[in-house]
Protein backbone atom coordinates (compact mmCIF):
# COMPACT_ATOMS: atom_id res chain seq x y z
CA UNK A 1 -29.17 -31.50 101.65
CA UNK A 2 -29.71 -31.45 97.89
CA UNK A 3 -32.67 -33.34 96.64
CA UNK A 4 -31.48 -33.45 92.99
CA UNK A 5 -32.27 -36.86 91.57
CA UNK A 6 -33.03 -38.59 88.32
CA UNK A 7 -36.64 -37.58 88.55
CA UNK A 8 -35.58 -33.93 88.75
CA UNK A 9 -33.39 -34.20 85.66
CA UNK A 10 -35.11 -32.81 82.61
CA UNK A 11 -35.38 -35.43 79.95
CA UNK A 12 -35.29 -34.64 76.23
CA UNK A 13 -38.77 -35.08 74.76
CA UNK A 14 -39.06 -38.14 72.52
CA UNK A 15 -40.13 -36.06 69.53
CA UNK A 16 -37.02 -33.87 69.78
CA UNK A 17 -34.83 -36.94 70.11
CA UNK A 18 -36.35 -38.43 66.97
CA UNK A 19 -35.78 -35.18 65.06
CA UNK A 20 -32.15 -35.13 66.19
CA UNK A 21 -31.63 -38.73 65.11
CA UNK A 22 -33.29 -38.04 61.76
CA UNK A 23 -31.15 -34.94 61.18
CA UNK A 24 -27.99 -36.90 61.96
CA UNK A 25 -29.09 -39.62 59.56
CA UNK A 26 -29.74 -37.11 56.78
CA UNK A 27 -26.36 -35.47 57.41
CA UNK A 28 -24.53 -38.79 57.26
CA UNK A 29 -26.43 -39.90 54.16
CA UNK A 30 -25.74 -36.59 52.39
CA UNK A 31 -22.08 -36.83 53.30
CA UNK A 32 -21.92 -40.36 51.91
CA UNK A 33 -23.67 -39.28 48.70
CA UNK A 34 -21.26 -36.37 48.28
CA UNK A 35 -18.27 -38.62 48.89
CA UNK A 36 -19.60 -41.16 46.38
CA UNK A 37 -20.17 -38.42 43.80
CA UNK A 38 -16.64 -37.05 43.99
CA UNK A 39 -15.14 -40.55 44.15
CA UNK A 40 -17.04 -41.55 41.02
CA UNK A 41 -15.99 -38.34 39.26
CA UNK A 42 -12.34 -39.00 40.04
CA UNK A 43 -12.66 -42.59 38.85
CA UNK A 44 -14.26 -41.49 35.57
CA UNK A 45 -11.63 -38.83 35.03
CA UNK A 46 -8.82 -41.32 35.64
CA UNK A 47 -10.44 -43.84 33.31
CA UNK A 48 -10.67 -41.21 30.60
CA UNK A 49 -7.05 -40.14 31.03
CA UNK A 50 -5.96 -43.77 30.82
CA UNK A 51 -7.98 -44.18 27.62
CA UNK A 52 -6.43 -41.07 26.07
CA UNK A 53 -3.02 -42.44 26.95
CA UNK A 54 -3.82 -45.72 25.21
CA UNK A 55 -5.47 -44.50 22.03
CA UNK A 56 -4.94 -40.78 21.39
CA UNK A 57 -1.98 -38.74 20.21
CA UNK A 58 -2.33 -34.97 20.44
CA UNK A 59 -0.07 -32.94 18.15
CA UNK A 60 2.06 -30.28 19.80
CA UNK A 61 1.70 -28.01 16.74
CA UNK A 62 -1.05 -27.56 14.12
CA UNK A 63 -0.97 -30.50 11.73
CA UNK A 64 -0.71 -29.67 8.04
CA UNK A 65 0.84 -31.68 5.26
CA UNK A 66 1.87 -30.71 1.75
CA UNK A 67 0.29 -33.04 -0.82
CA UNK A 68 2.33 -34.96 -3.32
CA UNK A 69 3.32 -33.43 -6.64
CA UNK A 70 0.53 -33.59 -9.19
CA UNK A 71 -2.41 -33.98 -6.81
CA UNK A 72 -3.10 -30.36 -5.82
CA UNK A 73 -0.74 -27.36 -5.90
CA UNK A 74 2.28 -28.33 -3.80
CA UNK A 75 2.12 -25.04 -1.91
CA UNK A 76 -1.40 -25.71 -0.66
CA UNK A 77 -1.38 -27.38 2.77
CA UNK A 78 -3.89 -30.09 3.61
CA UNK A 79 -5.59 -29.68 6.95
CA UNK A 80 -5.56 -32.54 9.42
CA UNK A 81 -7.03 -32.86 12.93
CA UNK A 82 -4.64 -32.02 15.79
CA UNK A 83 -5.11 -35.55 17.15
CA UNK A 84 -4.92 -39.11 15.89
CA UNK A 85 -6.98 -41.93 17.36
CA UNK A 86 -6.31 -45.66 17.36
CA UNK A 87 -9.78 -47.12 16.85
CA UNK A 88 -8.41 -50.65 16.86
CA UNK A 89 -7.51 -50.22 20.53
CA UNK A 90 -10.89 -48.64 21.30
CA UNK A 91 -12.95 -51.28 19.55
CA UNK A 92 -11.08 -54.08 21.24
CA UNK A 93 -12.50 -52.65 24.47
CA UNK A 94 -15.96 -51.89 23.08
CA UNK A 95 -17.20 -52.44 19.51
CA UNK A 96 -19.88 -49.79 20.15
CA UNK A 97 -17.26 -47.03 19.76
CA UNK A 98 -18.13 -45.12 16.56
CA UNK A 99 -16.05 -41.97 16.84
CA UNK A 100 -14.04 -39.51 18.90
CA UNK A 101 -14.77 -35.83 19.58
CA UNK A 102 -12.13 -33.26 20.53
CA UNK A 103 -12.22 -29.53 21.32
CA UNK A 104 -8.81 -28.02 21.87
CA UNK A 105 -8.42 -26.10 25.12
CA UNK A 106 -11.38 -27.81 26.81
CA UNK A 107 -12.02 -31.11 28.56
CA UNK A 108 -13.95 -32.41 25.53
CA UNK A 109 -11.74 -35.28 24.39
CA UNK A 110 -13.97 -38.33 24.46
CA UNK A 111 -14.92 -41.49 22.61
CA UNK A 112 -18.40 -41.58 21.09
CA UNK A 113 -20.42 -44.75 21.51
CA UNK A 114 -23.75 -45.81 20.05
CA UNK A 115 -26.17 -48.11 21.82
CA UNK A 116 -29.28 -50.00 20.83
CA UNK A 117 -31.30 -47.09 22.27
CA UNK A 118 -30.58 -43.72 23.89
CA UNK A 119 -30.80 -45.17 27.39
CA UNK A 120 -27.99 -47.72 27.11
CA UNK A 121 -25.10 -45.28 27.67
CA UNK A 122 -27.00 -42.62 29.59
CA UNK A 123 -25.64 -44.03 32.87
CA UNK A 124 -22.79 -46.20 31.62
CA UNK A 125 -19.17 -45.52 30.76
CA UNK A 126 -17.84 -46.26 27.30
CA UNK A 127 -16.70 -49.68 28.58
CA UNK A 128 -20.21 -50.57 29.74
CA UNK A 129 -19.67 -50.17 33.51
CA UNK A 130 -22.20 -48.15 35.48
CA UNK A 131 -21.62 -44.44 36.13
CA UNK A 132 -23.92 -41.46 36.68
CA UNK A 133 -21.69 -39.47 34.32
CA UNK A 134 -22.64 -41.75 31.44
CA UNK A 135 -20.90 -41.49 28.05
CA UNK A 136 -20.85 -39.28 25.01
CA UNK A 137 -23.13 -41.14 22.63
CA UNK A 138 -24.59 -40.94 19.14
CA UNK A 139 -28.36 -41.15 18.76
CA UNK A 140 -29.35 -44.75 18.06
CA UNK A 141 -31.38 -43.56 15.04
CA UNK A 142 -28.30 -42.17 13.31
CA UNK A 143 -26.10 -44.11 10.93
CA UNK A 144 -22.89 -45.04 12.74
CA UNK A 145 -20.68 -43.45 10.06
CA UNK A 146 -22.15 -39.96 10.68
CA UNK A 147 -23.50 -39.74 7.14
CA UNK A 148 -26.95 -38.44 8.13
CA UNK A 149 -27.92 -34.83 7.49
CA UNK A 150 -28.18 -34.27 11.26
CA UNK A 151 -25.97 -36.35 13.56
CA UNK A 152 -27.09 -36.09 17.19
CA UNK A 153 -24.50 -36.49 19.96
CA UNK A 154 -25.48 -36.37 23.63
CA UNK A 155 -23.55 -35.88 26.86
CA UNK A 156 -24.37 -34.95 30.45
CA UNK A 157 -23.83 -31.47 31.87
CA UNK A 158 -21.69 -32.44 34.89
CA UNK A 159 -21.17 -29.91 37.69
CA UNK A 160 -17.49 -30.84 37.92
CA UNK A 161 -17.08 -29.66 34.33
CA UNK A 162 -16.76 -33.11 32.77
CA UNK A 163 -18.47 -34.56 29.71
CA UNK A 164 -20.47 -31.92 27.78
CA UNK A 165 -20.49 -29.27 30.54
CA UNK A 166 -18.22 -26.97 28.43
CA UNK A 167 -21.02 -26.61 25.88
CA UNK A 168 -22.77 -24.25 28.28
CA UNK A 169 -19.87 -21.81 27.91
CA UNK A 170 -20.95 -21.17 24.32
CA UNK A 171 -23.53 -18.81 25.75
CA UNK A 172 -20.56 -16.43 25.92
CA UNK A 173 -19.37 -14.86 22.67
CA UNK A 174 -15.78 -14.69 23.94
CA UNK A 175 -15.73 -18.44 24.60
CA UNK A 176 -16.97 -19.15 21.10
CA UNK A 177 -14.28 -16.93 19.61
CA UNK A 178 -11.64 -18.90 21.54
CA UNK A 179 -13.13 -22.28 20.53
CA UNK A 180 -14.89 -21.87 17.18
CA UNK A 181 -14.19 -25.41 15.94
CA UNK A 182 -14.18 -28.99 17.15
CA UNK A 183 -12.90 -32.17 15.56
CA UNK A 184 -14.73 -35.43 14.90
CA UNK A 185 -12.87 -38.59 13.96
CA UNK A 186 -14.42 -41.89 12.91
CA UNK A 187 -12.59 -45.11 12.01
CA UNK A 188 -12.63 -44.04 8.34
CA UNK A 189 -13.12 -40.26 8.12
CA UNK A 190 -12.07 -37.06 9.90
CA UNK A 191 -14.11 -33.85 10.11
CA UNK A 192 -13.59 -30.28 11.17
CA UNK A 193 -16.74 -29.02 12.87
CA UNK A 194 -17.26 -25.32 12.23
CA UNK A 195 -19.57 -24.22 15.03
CA UNK A 196 -22.32 -22.04 13.65
CA UNK A 197 -24.94 -21.78 16.43
CA UNK A 198 -25.75 -22.56 20.05
CA UNK A 199 -29.14 -22.18 21.69
CA UNK A 200 -31.56 -23.36 24.38
CA UNK A 201 -34.29 -25.68 23.14
CA UNK A 202 -36.95 -27.96 24.66
CA UNK A 203 -36.19 -31.67 24.69
CA UNK A 204 -38.80 -32.25 21.98
CA UNK A 205 -37.41 -29.59 19.65
CA UNK A 206 -37.43 -30.24 15.92
CA UNK A 207 -33.63 -29.88 16.02
CA UNK A 208 -33.61 -33.49 17.26
CA UNK A 209 -34.94 -34.70 13.93
CA UNK A 210 -32.59 -36.65 11.67
CA UNK A 211 -33.91 -34.81 8.57
CA UNK A 212 -34.67 -36.61 5.34
CA UNK A 213 -34.24 -33.75 2.89
CA UNK A 214 -31.74 -30.88 2.52
CA UNK A 215 -34.67 -28.43 2.56
CA UNK A 216 -35.52 -29.55 6.11
CA UNK A 217 -31.91 -29.03 7.14
CA UNK A 218 -31.84 -25.52 5.66
CA UNK A 219 -35.06 -24.57 7.42
CA UNK A 220 -33.70 -25.84 10.73
CA UNK A 221 -30.42 -23.98 10.27
CA UNK A 222 -32.17 -20.69 9.59
CA UNK A 223 -33.99 -21.04 12.90
CA UNK A 224 -31.00 -22.01 15.06
CA UNK A 225 -28.74 -19.31 13.62
CA UNK A 226 -31.37 -16.63 14.24
CA UNK A 227 -31.68 -17.76 17.89
CA UNK A 228 -28.01 -18.46 18.60
CA UNK A 229 -26.38 -17.26 21.80
CA UNK A 230 -23.19 -16.48 19.87
CA UNK A 231 -22.54 -14.95 16.48
CA UNK A 232 -20.46 -17.03 14.13
CA UNK A 233 -20.39 -14.36 11.44
CA UNK A 234 -21.95 -14.79 8.01
CA UNK A 235 -22.80 -18.45 7.45
CA UNK A 236 -23.13 -19.69 3.89
CA UNK A 237 -25.99 -22.13 4.33
CA UNK A 238 -25.52 -23.51 0.84
CA UNK A 239 -22.10 -24.83 1.89
CA UNK A 240 -23.57 -26.74 4.84
CA UNK A 241 -24.25 -30.29 3.70
CA UNK A 242 -24.35 -32.09 7.05
CA UNK A 243 -24.32 -31.05 10.68
CA UNK A 244 -23.52 -32.40 14.10
CA UNK A 245 -25.86 -31.39 16.94
CA UNK A 246 -24.18 -31.58 20.33
CA UNK A 247 -26.75 -31.70 23.13
CA UNK A 248 -26.59 -31.39 26.93
CA UNK A 249 -29.00 -30.57 29.75
CA UNK A 250 -29.76 -26.96 30.57
CA UNK A 251 -31.75 -25.60 33.50
CA UNK A 252 -33.51 -22.62 31.92
CA UNK A 253 -36.85 -24.41 32.21
CA UNK A 254 -38.18 -27.93 32.68
CA UNK A 255 -36.58 -30.39 30.21
CA UNK A 256 -34.47 -27.64 28.66
CA UNK A 257 -31.43 -28.51 26.54
CA UNK A 258 -28.53 -26.48 25.21
CA UNK A 259 -27.35 -27.51 21.76
CA UNK A 260 -24.32 -26.50 19.73
CA UNK A 261 -24.49 -26.97 15.97
CA UNK A 262 -21.40 -27.75 13.90
CA UNK A 263 -21.09 -27.84 10.12
CA UNK A 264 -19.13 -30.93 9.03
CA UNK A 265 -16.18 -30.54 6.68
CA UNK A 266 -14.09 -33.55 5.75
CA UNK A 267 -10.33 -33.15 6.23
CA UNK A 268 -7.32 -35.35 5.63
CA UNK A 269 -7.28 -38.43 7.83
CA UNK A 270 -4.36 -38.39 10.29
CA UNK A 271 -1.91 -41.22 10.63
CA UNK A 272 -2.28 -43.14 13.87
CA UNK A 273 0.70 -42.30 16.07
CA UNK A 274 2.00 -44.00 19.17
CA UNK A 275 -0.07 -43.07 22.22
CA UNK A 276 1.32 -42.88 25.68
């Protein structure tokens, strides 16, 4: 006769049971966090696509117009951005919208907002709702019309490739050669951004200064060009009057940032087309 009974059954030690329960809890929590992350990313991406559909028209061919007789030689084309943006639509949704940045062939096609400080849009979408992806935003110290010598624009480096993640690709010379310019539109002015340098800097780098004098700007440009991860060819510093500094997180060291510097050149303002 078998004498197997409950008292003969080996019971799992309490400590092992607690470890198992804890491991299951961590697994479930991690799974929930991962699900939330991807769900939020999809929601942000859809929101952005909806916004582009409402306010942005992307030209199918390079936009150039021939000026009227008597202004400049009629054979000389006038460069325009490859997009037009309806800022009336954008500002009806959020008056903090101050511009739009676009880089052809990349995901960079975003509104630029400006808050009362640099924390306001760090974890909020352009419409003010909460999101870990945040927004592309102009430094609160800058003038909203981008008329400073150094205009600082920030965006997160998102693993999914959204926001300012493409900036990291400027470590590669080939990527720069494929995307040497960006476009910046404001409600009143349009700019071509000729990218002249990209480099890793600490978060307290002097490149985050607004600059008060052209001499400060020139000194800063000499440094960033000499340390750039790509070569933009000979850069005539005397022709650089204002710059945009695009900044995102890097992971080279603690509090590292990767910045891309663009020289601002005003171009003809595009007519607002019909989005959709």
